[in-house]
Structure formats: structure tokens, C-alpha cells
Amino acid sequence: MGGSRRKIVVMKFGGSSVADPAKIQRAAARIAAVWKKTKRVAVVVSAPGDMTDDLLALASGVSKEPAVRELDMLLAAGEQVSIALLAMALRARGVPAVSLTGPQAGFILEPVFGNARVAALCPTRVRRVLAAGSVAVVAGFQGACRDGELATMGRGGSDLSAVALAAALGAGHCEIFTDVEGVYTADPRNTHVVKKLSAISYDEMLKLAISGAQVMQVRSI
């Protein structure tokens, strides 16, 4: 096996990519194909579909001003649904997989509920899962503060989880899967007058994200 094939691959699937059982199976098929070649795959997953918005609606139904700590406890549940279902789908395909929450994966966050930054990342358990030949399926968007409190990274936080994990693992590359085929000059869901870019620099992607493009989270870039 060549050196490039031994490199860890990090794959991130957004909520639209795991919105229902069929899409979860599609994601599992993609992951399985990469795993068969490398045997070293870590996956970061968002909450399925509109679950985060649905959970926010539930919170507003019981409280006009829900505590930010309790919101983080609630919203973190969405990603845990995704990782468990995706790990099940992978195992059903004969691919060994272990689901891990953000804290289990080693994400240590600054103590800011709702919009925490990554203070440190110690992916010891992820490395153990990969060393055993299994796929590590990690919940994005979440981690634990040093005092043990659960916190989340804000909208698009799973992008940040994925690139941080890729950096910490020394991955060969990080693939971001979403509901569009790439980065466009405008949102293809709103207009047909668009062009897909074959390549884009980090600075240009950052400018697009700051201007409102939702394809990647600003801090992840």
C-alpha cells in the first residue's frame, strides 16, 4: 500500500446529506468505498436535515428565553442521532464503525455556550478507533469545556470540527459534502446564472463566507 493511501481521510457530511435513511445509506456507501482503499477514515457529521431548527422550535415552545446552557444540551442531541445511525448503516455494509460524541473525540472548547471556539483537540480515542481498522464517526458542532460542561460551536460548527480533526490527525485531506456540487459564484438554489469554480484560494473562500456564502463556516476556513 502506497504512502498516500495510508494517509487518514476526513469526510464531513452536512445535515442535508444525512437527512433521511436513503441519504444516510448514500453517505455510508461513499465512506465504505474510501475505507476499502485506505482503512483509515474519520467522518464528521451534522444533525440530520432540519433537526437543529426543529429542536430550536421545541425550545421556544416551552420557554420564551431558554438558557443557553440548556440549548446546547438540547442541540447537541441532533448530531448524536446522526452518528449512531451512520455507524449502524456502515456496520450493515460490513464496515466496522464506532460513533463518538464531540467530547469522546477529544474536542475541548472555550466556555462560551452557543458559539464556543476550539481550545484544544486531543483525538486519542479517534486514533485508537482508526488503528483498529474502524471508521470513527464523530459528532460535529460539539465538545466539552475543561470543567466538563457540554458546549456547541454555533451554526456551521461541524465544518470547524472536521477541519480541526483533520489537522490534529495529520490527515491527507478533508472532504466536505453538502447539498451542492461545489463552490459557485452565487447560490445555485436561488439563481441559474451561476458558474461552478474549479478551484478557489483560502482568501477568496473566506471573503465569500464573510459575505454570506453558506457553503463553509468562516472559522473553519
C-alpha atoms as a PDB file:
ATOM      1  CA  MET A   1       0.000   0.000   0.000  1.00  0.00           C
ATOM      2  CA  GLY A   2       1.490   3.357  -1.025  1.00  0.00           C
ATOM      3  CA  GLY A   3       2.152   6.178   1.421  1.00  0.00           C
ATOM      4  CA  SER A   4      -0.645   8.344   0.026  1.00  0.00           C
ATOM      5  CA  ARG A   5      -3.129   5.513   0.549  1.00  0.00           C
ATOM      6  CA  ARG A   6      -2.128   5.209   4.196  1.00  0.00           C
ATOM      7  CA  LYS A   7      -2.988   8.840   4.864  1.00  0.00           C
ATOM      8  CA  ILE A   8      -6.062   9.413   7.004  1.00  0.00           C
ATOM      9  CA  VAL A   9      -9.062  10.798   5.126  1.00  0.00           C
ATOM     10  CA  VAL A  10     -11.548  13.021   6.974  1.00  0.00           C
ATOM     11  CA  MET A  11     -15.020  13.234   5.432  1.00  0.00           C
ATOM     12  CA  LYS A  12     -17.670  15.668   6.645  1.00  0.00           C
ATOM     13  CA  PHE A  13     -21.371  15.266   5.834  1.00  0.00           C
ATOM     14  CA  GLY A  14     -23.770  18.135   6.380  1.00  0.00           C
ATOM     15  CA  GLY A  15     -27.323  17.763   7.598  1.00  0.00           C
ATOM     16  CA  SER A  16     -28.792  17.656   4.100  1.00  0.00           C
ATOM     17  CA  SER A  17     -26.540  14.673   3.312  1.00  0.00           C
ATOM     18  CA  VAL A  18     -27.924  12.612   6.211  1.00  0.00           C
ATOM     19  CA  ALA A  19     -31.486  13.928   6.233  1.00  0.00           C
ATOM     20  CA  ASP A  20     -33.221  10.557   5.840  1.00  0.00           C
ATOM     21  CA  PRO A  21     -32.407   6.823   5.719  1.00  0.00           C
ATOM     22  CA  ALA A  22     -31.786   6.852   1.949  1.00  0.00           C
ATOM     23  CA  LYS A  23     -29.290   9.692   2.226  1.00  0.00           C
ATOM     24  CA  ILE A  24     -27.592   8.073   5.204  1.00  0.00           C
ATOM     25  CA  GLN A  25     -27.174   4.919   3.107  1.00  0.00           C
ATOM     26  CA  ARG A  26     -25.750   7.008   0.267  1.00  0.00           C
ATOM     27  CA  ALA A  27     -23.244   8.605   2.649  1.00  0.00           C
ATOM     28  CA  ALA A  28     -22.368   5.168   4.027  1.00  0.00           C
ATOM     29  CA  ALA A  29     -21.697   3.897   0.510  1.00  0.00           C
ATOM     30  CA  ARG A  30     -19.290   6.780  -0.152  1.00  0.00           C
ATOM     31  CA  ILE A  31     -17.499   6.192   3.133  1.00  0.00           C
ATOM     32  CA  ALA A  32     -17.294   2.438   2.544  1.00  0.00           C
ATOM     33  CA  ALA A  33     -15.672   2.977  -0.860  1.00  0.00           C
ATOM     34  CA  VAL A  34     -12.945   5.163   0.658  1.00  0.00           C
ATOM     35  CA  TRP A  35     -12.477   2.866   3.662  1.00  0.00           C
ATOM     36  CA  LYS A  36     -11.901  -0.149   1.414  1.00  0.00           C
ATOM     37  CA  LYS A  37      -8.980   1.699  -0.198  1.00  0.00           C
ATOM     38  CA  THR A  38      -7.383   3.276   2.880  1.00  0.00           C
ATOM     39  CA  LYS A  39      -8.769   1.600   6.038  1.00  0.00           C
ATOM     40  CA  ARG A  40      -8.189   4.988   7.719  1.00  0.00           C
ATOM     41  CA  VAL A  41     -11.319   7.123   7.601  1.00  0.00           C
ATOM     42  CA  ALA A  42     -12.745   9.558  10.134  1.00  0.00           C
ATOM     43  CA  VAL A  43     -16.170  11.047   9.472  1.00  0.00           C
ATOM     44  CA  VAL A  44     -17.714  14.180  10.980  1.00  0.00           C
ATOM     45  CA  VAL A  45     -21.493  14.515  10.788  1.00  0.00           C
ATOM     46  CA  SER A  46     -24.059  17.261  11.336  1.00  0.00           C
ATOM     47  CA  ALA A  47     -27.562  16.822  12.714  1.00  0.00           C
ATOM     48  CA  PRO A  48     -29.927  15.285  10.140  1.00  0.00           C
ATOM     49  CA  GLY A  49     -31.931  17.609   7.900  1.00  0.00           C
ATOM     50  CA  ASP A  50     -33.703  20.397   9.751  1.00  0.00           C
ATOM     51  CA  MET A  51     -33.407  18.749  13.158  1.00  0.00           C
ATOM     52  CA  THR A  52     -31.480  21.667  14.679  1.00  0.00           C
ATOM     53  CA  ASP A  53     -34.241  24.082  13.656  1.00  0.00           C
ATOM     54  CA  ASP A  54     -36.873  21.637  14.921  1.00  0.00           C
ATOM     55  CA  LEU A  55     -35.128  21.432  18.292  1.00  0.00           C
ATOM     56  CA  LEU A  56     -34.947  25.224  18.484  1.00  0.00           C
ATOM     57  CA  ALA A  57     -38.675  25.356  17.783  1.00  0.00           C
ATOM     58  CA  LEU A  58     -39.302  22.871  20.584  1.00  0.00           C
ATOM     59  CA  ALA A  59     -37.268  25.020  22.950  1.00  0.00           C
ATOM     60  CA  SER A  60     -39.220  28.152  22.025  1.00  0.00           C
ATOM     61  CA  GLY A  61     -42.409  26.218  22.673  1.00  0.00           C
ATOM     62  CA  VAL A  62     -41.538  25.663  26.311  1.00  0.00           C
ATOM     63  CA  SER A  63     -39.606  28.863  27.097  1.00  0.00           C
ATOM     64  CA  LYS A  64     -39.524  32.391  25.672  1.00  0.00           C
ATOM     65  CA  GLU A  65     -35.883  32.770  26.726  1.00  0.00           C
ATOM     66  CA  PRO A  66     -34.299  29.317  27.089  1.00  0.00           C
ATOM     67  CA  ALA A  67     -30.994  29.242  28.956  1.00  0.00           C
ATOM     68  CA  VAL A  68     -28.051  28.986  26.554  1.00  0.00           C
ATOM     69  CA  ARG A  69     -26.581  26.086  28.539  1.00  0.00           C
ATOM     70  CA  GLU A  70     -29.782  24.083  28.156  1.00  0.00           C
ATOM     71  CA  LEU A  71     -29.970  24.969  24.466  1.00  0.00           C
ATOM     72  CA  ASP A  72     -26.527  23.454  23.968  1.00  0.00           C
ATOM     73  CA  MET A  73     -27.595  20.318  25.826  1.00  0.00           C
ATOM     74  CA  LEU A  74     -30.628  20.089  23.538  1.00  0.00           C
ATOM     75  CA  LEU A  75     -28.972  20.909  20.205  1.00  0.00           C
ATOM     76  CA  ALA A  76     -26.063  18.509  20.745  1.00  0.00           C
ATOM     77  CA  ALA A  77     -28.593  15.671  20.590  1.00  0.00           C
ATOM     78  CA  GLY A  78     -29.070  16.197  16.852  1.00  0.00           C
ATOM     79  CA  GLU A  79     -25.522  15.189  15.919  1.00  0.00           C
ATOM     80  CA  GLN A  80     -25.729  12.170  18.195  1.00  0.00           C
ATOM     81  CA  VAL A  81     -28.703  10.912  16.198  1.00  0.00           C
ATOM     82  CA  SER A  82     -26.638  11.173  13.004  1.00  0.00           C
ATOM     83  CA  ILE A  83     -23.514   9.436  14.261  1.00  0.00           C
ATOM     84  CA  ALA A  84     -25.422   6.478  15.677  1.00  0.00           C
ATOM     85  CA  LEU A  85     -27.490   5.951  12.517  1.00  0.00           C
ATOM     86  CA  LEU A  86     -24.480   6.348  10.206  1.00  0.00           C
ATOM     87  CA  ALA A  87     -22.412   3.893  12.265  1.00  0.00           C
ATOM     88  CA  MET A  88     -25.300   1.414  12.051  1.00  0.00           C
ATOM     89  CA  ALA A  89     -25.504   1.861   8.258  1.00  0.00           C
ATOM     90  CA  LEU A  90     -21.755   1.295   7.894  1.00  0.00           C
ATOM     91  CA  ARG A  91     -21.820  -1.842  10.038  1.00  0.00           C
ATOM     92  CA  ALA A  92     -24.698  -3.171   7.961  1.00  0.00           C
ATOM     93  CA  ARG A  93     -22.367  -2.892   4.953  1.00  0.00           C
ATOM     94  CA  GLY A  94     -19.657  -4.840   6.712  1.00  0.00           C
ATOM     95  CA  VAL A  95     -17.604  -1.748   7.564  1.00  0.00           C
ATOM     96  CA  PRO A  96     -16.560  -1.590  11.245  1.00  0.00           C
ATOM     97  CA  ALA A  97     -17.556   1.777  12.689  1.00  0.00           C
ATOM     98  CA  VAL A  98     -17.631   3.441  16.099  1.00  0.00           C
ATOM     99  CA  SER A  99     -19.683   6.559  16.852  1.00  0.00           C
ATOM    100  CA  LEU A 100     -18.121   9.200  19.114  1.00  0.00           C
ATOM    101  CA  THR A 101     -19.567  12.374  20.591  1.00  0.00           C
ATOM    102  CA  GLY A 102     -17.504  15.552  20.382  1.00  0.00           C
ATOM    103  CA  PRO A 103     -16.214  15.168  23.956  1.00  0.00           C
ATOM    104  CA  GLN A 104     -15.384  11.482  23.357  1.00  0.00           C
ATOM    105  CA  ALA A 105     -13.437  12.522  20.256  1.00  0.00           C
ATOM    106  CA  GLY A 106     -11.367  14.932  22.354  1.00  0.00           C
ATOM    107  CA  PHE A 107     -12.816  18.338  21.464  1.00  0.00           C
ATOM    108  CA  ILE A 108     -12.110  20.786  24.291  1.00  0.00           C
ATOM    109  CA  LEU A 109     -13.970  24.075  23.870  1.00  0.00           C
ATOM    110  CA  GLU A 110     -13.772  27.515  25.384  1.00  0.00           C
ATOM    111  CA  PRO A 111     -16.573  28.033  27.941  1.00  0.00           C
ATOM    112  CA  VAL A 112     -18.909  30.034  25.699  1.00  0.00           C
ATOM    113  CA  PHE A 113     -22.296  28.380  25.264  1.00  0.00           C
ATOM    114  CA  GLY A 114     -23.754  28.556  21.772  1.00  0.00           C
ATOM    115  CA  ASN A 115     -20.656  29.821  19.961  1.00  0.00           C
ATOM    116  CA  ALA A 116     -17.620  28.168  21.523  1.00  0.00           C
ATOM    117  CA  ARG A 117     -14.189  28.080  19.912  1.00  0.00           C
ATOM    118  CA  VAL A 118     -11.903  25.056  19.959  1.00  0.00           C
ATOM    119  CA  ALA A 119      -9.398  25.471  22.794  1.00  0.00           C
ATOM    120  CA  ALA A 120      -7.662  22.123  22.246  1.00  0.00           C
ATOM    121  CA  LEU A 121      -8.178  18.823  20.472  1.00  0.00           C
ATOM    122  CA  CYS A 122      -6.838  15.539  21.828  1.00  0.00           C
ATOM    123  CA  PRO A 123      -8.117  12.837  19.424  1.00  0.00           C
ATOM    124  CA  THR A 124      -6.610   9.898  21.315  1.00  0.00           C
ATOM    125  CA  ARG A 125      -9.759   7.820  21.117  1.00  0.00           C
ATOM    126  CA  VAL A 126     -10.230   8.614  17.426  1.00  0.00           C
ATOM    127  CA  ARG A 127      -6.689   7.372  16.771  1.00  0.00           C
ATOM    128  CA  ARG A 128      -7.452   4.143  18.650  1.00  0.00           C
ATOM    129  CA  VAL A 129     -10.563   3.550  16.557  1.00  0.00           C
ATOM    130  CA  LEU A 130      -8.616   4.158  13.336  1.00  0.00           C
ATOM    131  CA  ALA A 131      -5.729   1.943  14.481  1.00  0.00           C
ATOM    132  CA  ALA A 132      -8.245  -0.884  14.967  1.00  0.00           C
ATOM    133  CA  GLY A 133      -9.302  -0.511  11.327  1.00  0.00           C
ATOM    134  CA  SER A 134     -12.690   1.008  12.110  1.00  0.00           C
ATOM    135  CA  VAL A 135     -14.299   4.189  10.826  1.00  0.00           C
ATOM    136  CA  ALA A 136     -14.542   6.869  13.516  1.00  0.00           C
ATOM    137  CA  VAL A 137     -17.919   8.609  13.157  1.00  0.00           C
ATOM    138  CA  VAL A 138     -17.659  11.866  15.102  1.00  0.00           C
ATOM    139  CA  ALA A 139     -20.402  14.277  16.118  1.00  0.00           C
ATOM    140  CA  GLY A 140     -19.604  17.720  14.773  1.00  0.00           C
ATOM    141  CA  PHE A 141     -20.588  21.058  16.303  1.00  0.00           C
ATOM    142  CA  GLN A 142     -19.980  19.984  19.908  1.00  0.00           C
ATOM    143  CA  GLY A 143     -17.345  19.434  22.577  1.00  0.00           C
ATOM    144  CA  ALA A 144     -16.729  19.736  26.289  1.00  0.00           C
ATOM    145  CA  CYS A 145     -15.282  22.645  28.238  1.00  0.00           C
ATOM    146  CA  ARG A 146     -12.469  21.911  30.680  1.00  0.00           C
ATOM    147  CA  ASP A 147     -14.987  21.879  33.541  1.00  0.00           C
ATOM    148  CA  GLY A 148     -16.941  19.118  31.779  1.00  0.00           C
ATOM    149  CA  GLU A 149     -19.797  21.274  30.514  1.00  0.00           C
ATOM    150  CA  LEU A 150     -21.122  20.457  27.050  1.00  0.00           C
ATOM    151  CA  ALA A 151     -20.981  23.329  24.538  1.00  0.00           C
ATOM    152  CA  THR A 152     -21.589  23.889  20.832  1.00  0.00           C
ATOM    153  CA  MET A 153     -19.708  25.852  18.168  1.00  0.00           C
ATOM    154  CA  GLY A 154     -22.553  27.764  16.524  1.00  0.00           C
ATOM    155  CA  ARG A 155     -24.060  27.456  13.049  1.00  0.00           C
ATOM    156  CA  GLY A 156     -21.825  25.525  10.690  1.00  0.00           C
ATOM    157  CA  GLY A 157     -19.755  24.245  13.586  1.00  0.00           C
ATOM    158  CA  SER A 158     -19.414  20.805  12.051  1.00  0.00           C
ATOM    159  CA  ASP A 159     -17.192  22.329   9.340  1.00  0.00           C
ATOM    160  CA  LEU A 160     -14.911  23.584  12.095  1.00  0.00           C
ATOM    161  CA  SER A 161     -14.983  20.168  13.769  1.00  0.00           C
ATOM    162  CA  ALA A 162     -13.940  18.483  10.522  1.00  0.00           C
ATOM    163  CA  VAL A 163     -11.008  20.718   9.622  1.00  0.00           C
ATOM    164  CA  ALA A 164      -9.765  20.785  13.227  1.00  0.00           C
ATOM    165  CA  LEU A 165      -9.884  16.989  13.365  1.00  0.00           C
ATOM    166  CA  ALA A 166      -8.107  16.711  10.007  1.00  0.00           C
ATOM    167  CA  ALA A 167      -5.341  18.993  11.250  1.00  0.00           C
ATOM    168  CA  ALA A 168      -4.970  17.170  14.568  1.00  0.00           C
ATOM    169  CA  LEU A 169      -4.798  13.774  12.843  1.00  0.00           C
ATOM    170  CA  GLY A 170      -2.409  14.961  10.131  1.00  0.00           C
ATOM    171  CA  ALA A 171      -4.924  13.815   7.522  1.00  0.00           C
ATOM    172  CA  GLY A 172      -4.072  13.709   3.846  1.00  0.00           C
ATOM    173  CA  HIS A 173      -7.153  15.760   3.068  1.00  0.00           C
ATOM    174  CA  CYS A 174     -10.592  16.756   4.334  1.00  0.00           C
ATOM    175  CA  GLU A 175     -13.652  16.343   2.121  1.00  0.00           C
ATOM    176  CA  ILE A 176     -16.749  18.466   2.800  1.00  0.00           C
ATOM    177  CA  PHE A 177     -20.032  17.061   1.453  1.00  0.00           C
ATOM    178  CA  THR A 178     -23.104  19.268   1.214  1.00  0.00           C
ATOM    179  CA  ASP A 179     -26.245  19.659  -0.909  1.00  0.00           C
ATOM    180  CA  VAL A 180     -24.483  21.483  -3.766  1.00  0.00           C
ATOM    181  CA  GLU A 181     -21.797  20.131  -6.098  1.00  0.00           C
ATOM    182  CA  GLY A 182     -19.148  22.708  -5.242  1.00  0.00           C
ATOM    183  CA  VAL A 183     -18.448  26.393  -4.706  1.00  0.00           C
ATOM    184  CA  TYR A 184     -20.343  28.645  -7.118  1.00  0.00           C
ATOM    185  CA  THR A 185     -20.228  32.329  -7.982  1.00  0.00           C
ATOM    186  CA  ALA A 186     -23.743  32.601  -6.498  1.00  0.00           C
ATOM    187  CA  ASP A 187     -26.148  30.354  -4.621  1.00  0.00           C
ATOM    188  CA  PRO A 188     -27.420  27.834  -7.245  1.00  0.00           C
ATOM    189  CA  ARG A 189     -30.539  27.275  -5.167  1.00  0.00           C
ATOM    190  CA  ASN A 190     -31.576  30.891  -5.778  1.00  0.00           C
ATOM    191  CA  THR A 191     -30.465  31.583  -9.347  1.00  0.00           C
ATOM    192  CA  HIS A 192     -29.460  29.717 -12.507  1.00  0.00           C
ATOM    193  CA  VAL A 193     -26.951  32.406 -13.522  1.00  0.00           C
ATOM    194  CA  VAL A 194     -24.010  30.797 -11.766  1.00  0.00           C
ATOM    195  CA  LYS A 195     -20.651  29.230 -12.516  1.00  0.00           C
ATOM    196  CA  LYS A 196     -19.057  26.434 -10.540  1.00  0.00           C
ATOM    197  CA  LEU A 197     -15.471  27.237  -9.599  1.00  0.00           C
ATOM    198  CA  SER A 198     -12.860  24.567 -10.364  1.00  0.00           C
ATOM    199  CA  ALA A 199     -10.577  25.934  -7.633  1.00  0.00           C
ATOM    200  CA  ILE A 200     -10.577  28.721  -5.074  1.00  0.00           C
ATOM    201  CA  SER A 201      -7.978  30.104  -2.693  1.00  0.00           C
ATOM    202  CA  TYR A 202      -8.478  30.213   1.064  1.00  0.00           C
ATOM    203  CA  ASP A 203      -8.560  34.025   0.985  1.00  0.00           C
ATOM    204  CA  GLU A 204     -11.237  34.056  -1.722  1.00  0.00           C
ATOM    205  CA  MET A 205     -13.302  31.420   0.096  1.00  0.00           C
ATOM    206  CA  LEU A 206     -13.013  33.436   3.290  1.00  0.00           C
ATOM    207  CA  LYS A 207     -14.301  36.554   1.538  1.00  0.00           C
ATOM    208  CA  LEU A 208     -17.256  34.609   0.144  1.00  0.00           C
ATOM    209  CA  ALA A 209     -18.087  33.154   3.557  1.00  0.00           C
ATOM    210  CA  ILE A 210     -17.874  36.550   5.255  1.00  0.00           C
ATOM    211  CA  SER A 211     -20.170  37.951   2.567  1.00  0.00           C
ATOM    212  CA  GLY A 212     -22.808  35.360   3.410  1.00  0.00           C
ATOM    213  CA  ALA A 213     -21.992  32.253   1.370  1.00  0.00           C
ATOM    214  CA  GLN A 214     -23.138  29.297   3.468  1.00  0.00           C
ATOM    215  CA  VAL A 215     -21.053  26.580   1.838  1.00  0.00           C
ATOM    216  CA  MET A 216     -18.480  26.680   4.665  1.00  0.00           C
ATOM    217  CA  GLN A 217     -18.258  28.216   8.117  1.00  0.00           C
ATOM    218  CA  VAL A 218     -15.952  31.241   8.370  1.00  0.00           C
ATOM    219  CA  ARG A 219     -13.872  29.901  11.268  1.00  0.00           C
ATOM    220  CA  SER A 220     -13.334  26.567   9.518  1.00  0.00           C
ATOM    221  CA  ILE A 221     -11.660  28.344   6.599  1.00  0.00           C
END
